[in-house]
């Protein structure tokens, strides 16, 4: 069953803030098991849809999961509908490396940026700034879901 709304705890105000920013740029957020096996979150760039597994709230990783997918949304806007690396100057910390080293080529570059931002202490500000920078003036950001 696809849930368009979920009771998000008030303690998740930063999650809600990021969700609102994403929606303002035309991204739909679905709280359901993503259609890719083993994923907690997923951006379907063809439909500007972000899937978030409700389990992330129980696991305590809701915000980093949404931040990760929001980085992919910024990459989508930057690439004008085709996700492209943003060319960030941040160095991925060692703790994040094991998550993206399994990927190759372009996918590794995209995942490296997403995992790098996801583990930053100021991740919410970083990703919101990326969304504003790359999605604000994009004709893609004006579409509805």
N, C-alpha and C. Protein backbone atom coordinates (compact mmCIF):
# COMPACT_ATOMS: atom_id res chain seq x y z
N UNK A 1 0.85 -1.18 0.00
CA UNK A 1 0.00 0.00 0.00
C UNK A 1 0.89 1.24 0.00
N UNK A 2 0.61 2.15 -0.87
CA UNK A 2 1.39 3.38 -0.99
C UNK A 2 0.82 4.43 -0.05
N UNK A 3 1.66 4.94 0.84
CA UNK A 3 1.23 5.97 1.78
C UNK A 3 1.78 7.31 1.34
N UNK A 4 0.90 8.26 1.12
CA UNK A 4 1.35 9.61 0.73
C UNK A 4 1.58 10.46 1.96
N UNK A 5 1.01 10.07 3.08
CA UNK A 5 1.20 10.80 4.32
C UNK A 5 1.58 9.79 5.40
N UNK A 6 2.35 10.22 6.35
CA UNK A 6 2.79 9.35 7.41
C UNK A 6 2.85 10.21 8.66
N UNK A 7 2.49 9.65 9.78
CA UNK A 7 2.62 10.39 11.02
C UNK A 7 4.10 10.52 11.36
N UNK A 8 4.65 11.67 11.04
CA UNK A 8 6.06 11.92 11.31
C UNK A 8 6.15 12.58 12.67
N UNK A 9 6.95 12.02 13.56
CA UNK A 9 7.04 12.58 14.91
C UNK A 9 7.49 14.04 14.90
N UNK A 10 6.97 14.84 15.83
CA UNK A 10 7.37 16.26 15.91
C UNK A 10 8.88 16.43 16.07
N UNK A 11 9.56 15.43 16.62
CA UNK A 11 11.01 15.50 16.79
C UNK A 11 11.73 15.49 15.44
N UNK A 12 11.01 15.20 14.38
CA UNK A 12 11.60 15.13 13.04
C UNK A 12 11.37 16.43 12.26
N UNK A 13 11.44 17.57 12.94
CA UNK A 13 11.16 18.84 12.28
C UNK A 13 12.12 19.11 11.12
N UNK A 14 13.38 18.70 11.25
CA UNK A 14 14.33 18.91 10.15
C UNK A 14 13.97 18.03 8.96
N UNK A 15 13.50 16.82 9.23
CA UNK A 15 13.03 15.94 8.16
C UNK A 15 11.88 16.61 7.42
N UNK A 16 10.93 17.14 8.18
CA UNK A 16 9.77 17.81 7.59
C UNK A 16 10.18 19.04 6.79
N UNK A 17 11.16 19.78 7.29
CA UNK A 17 11.66 20.96 6.58
C UNK A 17 12.23 20.56 5.22
N UNK A 18 13.05 19.53 5.19
CA UNK A 18 13.65 19.07 3.94
C UNK A 18 12.58 18.50 3.01
N UNK A 19 11.63 17.77 3.55
CA UNK A 19 10.52 17.23 2.76
C UNK A 19 9.77 18.37 2.06
N UNK A 20 9.52 19.44 2.79
CA UNK A 20 8.81 20.59 2.24
C UNK A 20 9.60 21.25 1.11
N UNK A 21 10.92 21.39 1.29
CA UNK A 21 11.77 21.99 0.25
C UNK A 21 11.72 21.12 -1.01
N UNK A 22 11.87 19.82 -0.84
CA UNK A 22 11.82 18.91 -1.99
C UNK A 22 10.48 19.03 -2.73
N UNK A 23 9.41 19.05 -1.98
CA UNK A 23 8.08 19.16 -2.60
C UNK A 23 7.91 20.50 -3.31
N UNK A 24 8.52 21.54 -2.79
CA UNK A 24 8.41 22.85 -3.44
C UNK A 24 9.08 22.86 -4.81
N UNK A 25 10.01 21.92 -5.03
CA UNK A 25 10.67 21.80 -6.33
C UNK A 25 10.06 20.68 -7.17
N UNK A 26 8.88 20.22 -6.78
CA UNK A 26 8.14 19.27 -7.59
C UNK A 26 8.44 17.80 -7.35
N UNK A 27 9.17 17.48 -6.30
CA UNK A 27 9.46 16.08 -5.99
C UNK A 27 8.35 15.52 -5.10
N UNK A 28 7.81 14.39 -5.48
CA UNK A 28 6.81 13.69 -4.68
C UNK A 28 7.55 12.79 -3.70
N UNK A 29 7.06 12.72 -2.47
CA UNK A 29 7.66 11.87 -1.44
C UNK A 29 6.65 10.78 -1.10
N UNK A 30 7.07 9.53 -1.25
CA UNK A 30 6.22 8.38 -0.92
C UNK A 30 6.84 7.60 0.22
N UNK A 31 6.06 7.36 1.25
CA UNK A 31 6.51 6.56 2.38
C UNK A 31 6.04 5.13 2.18
N UNK A 32 6.91 4.34 1.61
CA UNK A 32 6.64 2.94 1.33
C UNK A 32 7.98 2.28 1.01
N UNK A 33 8.00 0.97 0.99
CA UNK A 33 9.23 0.25 0.65
C UNK A 33 9.61 0.63 -0.78
N UNK A 34 10.84 1.12 -0.97
CA UNK A 34 11.28 1.49 -2.33
C UNK A 34 11.26 0.29 -3.27
N UNK A 35 11.04 0.56 -4.55
CA UNK A 35 10.97 -0.53 -5.52
C UNK A 35 12.32 -1.15 -5.88
N UNK A 36 13.37 -0.81 -5.17
CA UNK A 36 14.69 -1.43 -5.37
C UNK A 36 15.03 -2.20 -4.10
N UNK A 37 15.24 -3.47 -4.26
CA UNK A 37 15.50 -4.36 -3.12
C UNK A 37 16.66 -3.86 -2.25
N UNK A 38 16.42 -3.81 -0.95
CA UNK A 38 17.45 -3.46 0.00
C UNK A 38 17.66 -1.97 0.22
N UNK A 39 16.92 -1.13 -0.49
CA UNK A 39 17.10 0.32 -0.36
C UNK A 39 16.18 0.87 0.73
N UNK A 40 16.71 1.81 1.50
CA UNK A 40 15.88 2.54 2.47
C UNK A 40 15.25 3.77 1.82
N UNK A 41 15.88 4.26 0.77
CA UNK A 41 15.38 5.41 0.03
C UNK A 41 15.76 5.25 -1.42
N UNK A 42 15.02 5.94 -2.29
CA UNK A 42 15.28 5.84 -3.72
C UNK A 42 14.68 7.04 -4.43
N UNK A 43 15.44 7.61 -5.37
CA UNK A 43 14.92 8.65 -6.25
C UNK A 43 14.61 8.02 -7.60
N UNK A 44 13.35 8.11 -7.99
CA UNK A 44 12.94 7.70 -9.34
C UNK A 44 12.96 8.98 -10.17
N UNK A 45 14.06 9.19 -10.90
CA UNK A 45 14.23 10.45 -11.62
C UNK A 45 13.27 10.60 -12.79
N UNK A 46 12.76 9.50 -13.30
CA UNK A 46 11.79 9.59 -14.41
C UNK A 46 10.49 10.26 -13.97
N UNK A 47 10.14 10.07 -12.69
CA UNK A 47 8.87 10.59 -12.19
C UNK A 47 9.04 11.62 -11.07
N UNK A 48 10.28 12.02 -10.79
CA UNK A 48 10.58 12.96 -9.70
C UNK A 48 9.93 12.51 -8.40
N UNK A 49 10.12 11.23 -8.10
CA UNK A 49 9.52 10.62 -6.92
C UNK A 49 10.63 10.09 -6.02
N UNK A 50 10.51 10.40 -4.75
CA UNK A 50 11.44 9.89 -3.74
C UNK A 50 10.68 8.91 -2.86
N UNK A 51 11.21 7.71 -2.77
CA UNK A 51 10.65 6.67 -1.92
C UNK A 51 11.44 6.63 -0.62
N UNK A 52 10.73 6.62 0.50
CA UNK A 52 11.36 6.49 1.82
C UNK A 52 10.68 5.33 2.55
N UNK A 53 11.47 4.34 2.93
CA UNK A 53 10.93 3.21 3.68
C UNK A 53 10.56 3.70 5.09
N UNK A 54 9.32 3.51 5.55
CA UNK A 54 8.94 3.95 6.90
C UNK A 54 9.81 3.35 8.00
N UNK A 55 10.48 2.26 7.72
CA UNK A 55 11.37 1.63 8.69
C UNK A 55 12.48 2.56 9.15
N UNK A 56 12.85 3.55 8.33
CA UNK A 56 13.95 4.44 8.70
C UNK A 56 13.65 5.24 9.96
N UNK A 57 12.37 5.45 10.26
CA UNK A 57 12.02 6.16 11.49
C UNK A 57 12.34 5.30 12.70
N UNK A 58 12.01 4.01 12.62
CA UNK A 58 12.32 3.08 13.71
C UNK A 58 13.82 2.90 13.88
N UNK A 59 14.56 2.93 12.78
CA UNK A 59 16.00 2.75 12.82
C UNK A 59 16.75 4.02 13.22
N UNK A 60 16.05 5.15 13.26
CA UNK A 60 16.69 6.41 13.63
C UNK A 60 17.52 7.03 12.52
N UNK A 61 17.24 6.65 11.26
CA UNK A 61 18.02 7.16 10.13
C UNK A 61 17.15 7.89 9.11
N UNK A 62 16.03 8.41 9.55
CA UNK A 62 15.11 9.08 8.63
C UNK A 62 15.76 10.30 7.98
N UNK A 63 16.36 11.17 8.79
CA UNK A 63 16.93 12.38 8.22
C UNK A 63 18.10 12.08 7.27
N UNK A 64 19.09 11.26 7.67
CA UNK A 64 20.17 10.98 6.72
C UNK A 64 19.68 10.32 5.43
N UNK A 65 18.64 9.50 5.54
CA UNK A 65 18.10 8.85 4.34
C UNK A 65 17.49 9.88 3.41
N UNK A 66 16.70 10.80 3.95
CA UNK A 66 16.10 11.82 3.10
C UNK A 66 17.17 12.77 2.56
N UNK A 67 18.17 13.09 3.36
CA UNK A 67 19.27 13.94 2.88
C UNK A 67 19.95 13.27 1.69
N UNK A 68 20.22 11.98 1.81
CA UNK A 68 20.86 11.24 0.73
C UNK A 68 20.05 11.35 -0.57
N UNK A 69 18.75 11.13 -0.48
CA UNK A 69 17.90 11.21 -1.67
C UNK A 69 17.77 12.66 -2.16
N UNK A 70 17.84 13.61 -1.25
CA UNK A 70 17.78 15.02 -1.65
C UNK A 70 19.04 15.42 -2.42
N UNK A 71 20.18 14.84 -2.08
CA UNK A 71 21.39 15.09 -2.86
C UNK A 71 21.17 14.59 -4.29
N UNK A 72 20.57 13.41 -4.41
CA UNK A 72 20.26 12.90 -5.76
C UNK A 72 19.28 13.83 -6.48
N UNK A 73 18.36 14.42 -5.75
CA UNK A 73 17.43 15.38 -6.37
C UNK A 73 18.19 16.60 -6.88
N UNK A 74 19.16 17.10 -6.10
CA UNK A 74 19.98 18.23 -6.56
C UNK A 74 20.79 17.83 -7.79
N UNK A 75 21.30 16.61 -7.80
CA UNK A 75 22.05 16.11 -8.97
C UNK A 75 21.13 16.04 -10.19
N UNK A 76 19.90 15.67 -9.98
CA UNK A 76 18.89 15.61 -11.04
C UNK A 76 18.66 17.02 -11.62
N UNK A 77 18.49 17.99 -10.74
CA UNK A 77 18.27 19.37 -11.20
C UNK A 77 19.51 19.90 -11.92
N UNK A 78 20.68 19.63 -11.35
CA UNK A 78 21.93 20.08 -11.95
C UNK A 78 22.09 19.52 -13.36
N UNK A 79 21.73 18.27 -13.54
CA UNK A 79 21.84 17.61 -14.84
C UNK A 79 20.64 17.82 -15.74
N UNK A 80 19.74 18.72 -15.34
CA UNK A 80 18.55 19.05 -16.13
C UNK A 80 17.74 17.80 -16.51
N UNK A 81 17.49 16.97 -15.49
CA UNK A 81 16.66 15.79 -15.69
C UNK A 81 17.43 14.50 -15.79
N UNK A 82 18.74 14.59 -15.87
CA UNK A 82 19.59 13.40 -15.88
C UNK A 82 20.64 13.59 -14.79
N UNK A 83 20.55 12.83 -13.68
CA UNK A 83 21.47 13.06 -12.56
C UNK A 83 22.93 13.11 -12.99
N UNK A 84 23.60 14.17 -12.53
CA UNK A 84 25.02 14.40 -12.82
C UNK A 84 25.72 14.78 -11.52
N UNK A 85 26.98 14.38 -11.35
CA UNK A 85 27.73 14.78 -10.16
C UNK A 85 27.84 16.30 -10.08
N UNK A 86 27.77 16.79 -8.85
CA UNK A 86 27.82 18.23 -8.61
C UNK A 86 29.24 18.77 -8.56
N UNK A 87 30.23 17.89 -8.46
CA UNK A 87 31.62 18.33 -8.38
C UNK A 87 31.94 18.96 -7.04
N UNK A 88 31.40 18.40 -5.98
CA UNK A 88 31.61 18.94 -4.64
C UNK A 88 33.06 18.77 -4.21
N UNK A 89 33.54 19.71 -3.43
CA UNK A 89 34.93 19.66 -2.98
C UNK A 89 35.08 18.95 -1.64
N UNK A 90 34.00 18.41 -1.10
CA UNK A 90 34.07 17.69 0.17
C UNK A 90 34.73 16.34 -0.01
N UNK A 91 35.56 15.98 0.94
CA UNK A 91 36.22 14.68 0.93
C UNK A 91 35.36 13.70 1.72
N UNK A 92 35.03 12.55 1.12
CA UNK A 92 34.20 11.60 1.86
C UNK A 92 34.96 11.02 3.05
N UNK A 93 34.33 11.02 4.23
CA UNK A 93 35.00 10.43 5.39
C UNK A 93 35.11 8.92 5.25
N UNK A 94 36.06 8.33 5.94
CA UNK A 94 36.30 6.89 5.84
C UNK A 94 35.05 6.08 6.16
N UNK A 95 34.25 6.54 7.11
CA UNK A 95 33.05 5.81 7.50
C UNK A 95 32.06 5.65 6.35
N UNK A 96 32.06 6.56 5.41
CA UNK A 96 31.11 6.52 4.30
C UNK A 96 31.62 5.69 3.12
N UNK A 97 32.91 5.46 3.05
CA UNK A 97 33.51 4.81 1.88
C UNK A 97 32.92 3.42 1.58
N UNK A 98 32.67 2.65 2.60
CA UNK A 98 32.18 1.29 2.37
C UNK A 98 30.83 1.25 1.69
N UNK A 99 30.10 2.35 1.76
CA UNK A 99 28.77 2.38 1.16
C UNK A 99 28.78 2.65 -0.34
N UNK A 100 29.79 3.37 -0.82
CA UNK A 100 29.77 3.71 -2.25
C UNK A 100 30.83 3.00 -3.08
N UNK A 101 31.76 2.34 -2.45
CA UNK A 101 32.82 1.66 -3.20
C UNK A 101 32.32 0.47 -4.02
N UNK A 102 31.14 -0.02 -3.70
CA UNK A 102 30.59 -1.16 -4.46
C UNK A 102 30.05 -0.74 -5.82
N UNK A 103 29.90 0.56 -6.03
CA UNK A 103 29.38 1.07 -7.30
C UNK A 103 30.53 1.37 -8.25
N UNK A 104 30.20 1.50 -9.53
CA UNK A 104 31.20 1.81 -10.56
C UNK A 104 30.78 3.04 -11.35
N UNK A 105 31.75 3.69 -11.96
CA UNK A 105 31.49 4.77 -12.91
C UNK A 105 30.66 5.93 -12.37
N UNK A 106 29.72 6.37 -13.18
CA UNK A 106 28.87 7.52 -12.82
C UNK A 106 28.11 7.26 -11.53
N UNK A 107 27.58 6.06 -11.37
CA UNK A 107 26.81 5.74 -10.16
C UNK A 107 27.66 5.92 -8.92
N UNK A 108 28.95 5.53 -8.98
CA UNK A 108 29.84 5.72 -7.83
C UNK A 108 30.01 7.21 -7.52
N UNK A 109 30.16 8.03 -8.55
CA UNK A 109 30.31 9.48 -8.33
C UNK A 109 29.06 10.05 -7.67
N UNK A 110 27.89 9.65 -8.15
CA UNK A 110 26.63 10.14 -7.58
C UNK A 110 26.48 9.69 -6.13
N UNK A 111 26.75 8.41 -5.88
CA UNK A 111 26.61 7.87 -4.52
C UNK A 111 27.66 8.45 -3.58
N UNK A 112 28.87 8.70 -4.08
CA UNK A 112 29.91 9.30 -3.24
C UNK A 112 29.44 10.65 -2.71
N UNK A 113 28.89 11.48 -3.57
CA UNK A 113 28.39 12.78 -3.12
C UNK A 113 27.25 12.62 -2.12
N UNK A 114 26.32 11.72 -2.41
CA UNK A 114 25.17 11.55 -1.52
C UNK A 114 25.59 11.04 -0.14
N UNK A 115 26.46 10.04 -0.10
CA UNK A 115 26.91 9.52 1.19
C UNK A 115 27.79 10.53 1.92
N UNK A 116 28.57 11.30 1.19
CA UNK A 116 29.43 12.30 1.81
C UNK A 116 28.60 13.38 2.50
N UNK A 117 27.59 13.89 1.83
CA UNK A 117 26.72 14.91 2.43
C UNK A 117 25.93 14.30 3.59
N UNK A 118 25.45 13.09 3.41
CA UNK A 118 24.61 12.42 4.40
C UNK A 118 25.26 12.34 5.78
N UNK A 119 26.59 12.21 5.84
CA UNK A 119 27.28 12.04 7.13
C UNK A 119 27.85 13.35 7.69
N UNK A 120 27.64 14.45 7.01
CA UNK A 120 28.16 15.74 7.51
C UNK A 120 27.31 16.23 8.68
N UNK A 121 27.92 16.87 9.68
CA UNK A 121 27.13 17.39 10.80
C UNK A 121 26.14 18.49 10.37
N UNK A 122 26.48 19.23 9.32
CA UNK A 122 25.59 20.30 8.82
C UNK A 122 24.86 19.86 7.54
N UNK A 123 24.57 18.56 7.44
CA UNK A 123 24.00 17.98 6.22
C UNK A 123 22.70 18.64 5.78
N UNK A 124 21.85 19.03 6.72
CA UNK A 124 20.58 19.63 6.35
C UNK A 124 20.81 20.96 5.63
N UNK A 125 21.63 21.82 6.19
CA UNK A 125 21.93 23.10 5.54
C UNK A 125 22.61 22.89 4.19
N UNK A 126 23.55 21.95 4.14
CA UNK A 126 24.26 21.69 2.89
C UNK A 126 23.31 21.28 1.78
N UNK A 127 22.43 20.32 2.06
CA UNK A 127 21.56 19.81 1.00
C UNK A 127 20.48 20.81 0.61
N UNK A 128 19.98 21.56 1.57
CA UNK A 128 18.98 22.58 1.23
C UNK A 128 19.61 23.65 0.34
N UNK A 129 20.85 24.03 0.65
CA UNK A 129 21.54 25.00 -0.20
C UNK A 129 21.77 24.45 -1.61
N UNK A 130 22.10 23.16 -1.72
CA UNK A 130 22.28 22.54 -3.03
C UNK A 130 20.96 22.54 -3.82
N UNK A 131 19.87 22.23 -3.15
CA UNK A 131 18.56 22.23 -3.81
C UNK A 131 18.22 23.64 -4.30
N UNK A 132 18.42 24.62 -3.44
CA UNK A 132 18.12 26.01 -3.84
C UNK A 132 19.02 26.44 -5.00
N UNK A 133 20.27 26.05 -4.97
CA UNK A 133 21.21 26.45 -6.01
C UNK A 133 20.86 25.81 -7.36
N UNK A 134 20.55 24.53 -7.36
CA UNK A 134 20.38 23.82 -8.62
C UNK A 134 18.94 23.62 -9.07
N UNK A 135 18.00 23.68 -8.17
CA UNK A 135 16.60 23.44 -8.55
C UNK A 135 15.79 24.72 -8.67
N UNK A 136 16.21 25.77 -8.03
CA UNK A 136 15.43 27.01 -7.98
C UNK A 136 15.11 27.57 -9.37
N UNK A 137 16.10 27.69 -10.21
CA UNK A 137 15.88 28.30 -11.52
C UNK A 137 15.70 27.26 -12.63
N UNK A 138 15.62 26.01 -12.22
CA UNK A 138 15.46 24.95 -13.20
C UNK A 138 14.01 24.82 -13.61
N UNK A 139 13.76 24.75 -14.91
CA UNK A 139 12.39 24.51 -15.37
C UNK A 139 11.86 23.19 -14.83
N UNK A 140 12.78 22.30 -14.48
CA UNK A 140 12.37 20.99 -13.93
C UNK A 140 11.79 21.16 -12.54
N UNK A 141 12.26 22.16 -11.81
CA UNK A 141 11.76 22.39 -10.46
C UNK A 141 10.35 22.95 -10.45
N UNK A 142 9.86 23.39 -11.57
CA UNK A 142 8.53 23.97 -11.64
C UNK A 142 7.45 22.93 -11.94
N UNK A 143 7.86 21.73 -12.29
CA UNK A 143 6.89 20.69 -12.62
C UNK A 143 6.26 20.16 -11.36
N UNK A 144 5.08 19.66 -11.47
CA UNK A 144 4.42 19.01 -10.34
C UNK A 144 4.54 17.52 -10.50
N UNK A 145 5.30 16.93 -9.61
CA UNK A 145 5.51 15.57 -9.44
C UNK A 145 5.48 14.59 -10.45
